Amino acid sequence: MERPTPEVIHNNAMKRFESTVEGHVNVADYTLSDGKLVMTHTAVHPSLQGRGIAAALIERAFAFARAEGLKVDPVCSYVRDYLRRHPEHRALAI
């Protein structure tokens, strides 16, 4: 049975994308700099790993970058790995 995609919100005040699953807040942190969305850190609670939550966070971040005309600077190792697995987003990366 496939799990539903978690809801991801953009918490602009805290500069992160977040998803609360089973009471745990999972995040993809960023900063904005010179027209770039600098993805600095991604964290998913250990008990929730492997469920596609980090991927959902990064998908939402890329959608935001695309809508805002930003490039993505993948400082976070997870985001770099994600880009290797999803070449359709590479045009957004610097």
Protein backbone atom coordinates (compact mmCIF):
# COMPACT_ATOMS: atom_id res chain seq x y z
CA MET A 1 0.00 0.00 0.00
CA GLU A 2 1.38 3.38 -1.04
CA ARG A 3 1.46 6.15 1.57
CA PRO A 4 -0.07 9.50 0.63
CA THR A 5 2.25 12.38 -0.17
CA PRO A 6 2.65 14.46 2.98
CA GLU A 7 1.34 18.02 3.06
CA VAL A 8 4.19 20.53 2.80
CA ILE A 9 3.85 24.18 3.74
CA HIS A 10 6.16 27.10 3.10
CA ASN A 11 6.99 28.72 6.43
CA ASN A 12 8.36 31.98 5.07
CA ALA A 13 8.93 33.47 8.53
CA MET A 14 11.31 30.63 9.44
CA LYS A 15 12.74 30.27 5.90
CA ARG A 16 11.87 26.63 5.53
CA PHE A 17 9.50 24.16 3.98
CA GLU A 18 7.93 21.87 6.54
CA SER A 19 5.73 18.86 6.94
CA THR A 20 4.31 17.59 10.21
CA VAL A 21 3.88 13.81 10.19
CA GLU A 22 2.88 11.79 13.25
CA GLY A 23 3.62 14.81 15.43
CA HIS A 24 7.15 15.33 14.07
CA VAL A 25 8.06 18.51 12.18
CA ASN A 26 10.33 17.72 9.23
CA VAL A 27 12.08 20.57 7.46
CA ALA A 28 14.06 21.80 4.48
CA ASP A 29 15.79 25.03 5.50
CA TYR A 30 16.92 27.72 3.08
CA THR A 31 18.22 31.23 2.73
CA LEU A 32 17.65 33.67 -0.11
CA SER A 33 20.69 35.32 -1.66
CA ASP A 34 21.11 37.18 -4.97
CA GLY A 35 18.26 35.46 -6.78
CA LYS A 36 19.13 32.05 -5.34
CA LEU A 37 17.26 29.69 -3.05
CA VAL A 38 20.16 28.30 -1.03
CA MET A 39 19.05 24.93 0.35
CA THR A 40 21.06 24.56 3.56
CA HIS A 41 19.63 21.63 5.51
CA THR A 42 17.01 18.89 5.29
CA ALA A 43 15.87 16.95 8.35
CA VAL A 44 13.33 14.15 8.72
CA HIS A 45 12.68 12.42 12.03
CA PRO A 46 14.48 9.02 12.08
CA SER A 47 11.25 7.09 12.62
CA LEU A 48 9.83 8.59 9.41
CA GLN A 49 12.78 8.16 7.06
CA GLY A 50 12.23 6.24 3.86
CA ARG A 51 8.66 7.49 3.43
CA GLY A 52 9.31 10.18 0.83
CA ILE A 53 8.97 13.11 3.23
CA ALA A 54 12.33 14.68 2.39
CA ALA A 55 11.57 14.32 -1.33
CA ALA A 56 8.20 16.05 -0.84
CA LEU A 57 9.92 18.92 0.98
CA ILE A 58 12.45 19.35 -1.82
CA GLU A 59 9.79 19.09 -4.55
CA ARG A 60 7.92 21.95 -2.85
CA ALA A 61 11.14 23.98 -2.62
CA PHE A 62 11.80 23.49 -6.35
CA ALA A 63 8.22 24.47 -7.18
CA PHE A 64 8.69 27.66 -5.14
CA ALA A 65 12.01 28.42 -6.87
CA ARG A 66 10.47 27.87 -10.30
CA ALA A 67 7.47 30.10 -9.51
CA GLU A 68 9.70 32.88 -8.15
CA GLY A 69 12.29 32.69 -10.93
CA LEU A 70 15.04 31.61 -8.53
CA LYS A 71 17.99 29.30 -9.07
CA VAL A 72 18.66 26.61 -6.46
CA ASP A 73 22.02 26.34 -4.71
CA PRO A 74 22.09 22.77 -3.30
CA VAL A 75 24.37 23.26 -0.28
CA CYS A 76 22.55 20.45 1.55
CA SER A 77 23.89 16.99 0.67
CA TYR A 78 20.37 15.55 0.46
CA VAL A 79 19.40 18.16 -2.13
CA ARG A 80 22.53 17.38 -4.17
CA ASP A 81 21.67 13.66 -4.07
CA TYR A 82 18.08 14.43 -5.00
CA LEU A 83 19.24 16.35 -8.06
CA ARG A 84 21.33 13.38 -9.16
CA ARG A 85 18.25 11.16 -8.98
CA HIS A 86 15.90 13.71 -10.59
CA PRO A 87 17.54 15.23 -13.65
CA GLU A 88 14.31 17.03 -14.55
CA HIS A 89 15.19 19.65 -11.90
CA ARG A 90 18.83 20.19 -12.85
CA ALA A 91 18.04 23.28 -14.92
CA LEU A 92 17.13 25.07 -11.67
CA ALA A 93 20.45 24.28 -9.98
CA ILE A 94 23.50 26.48 -10.09
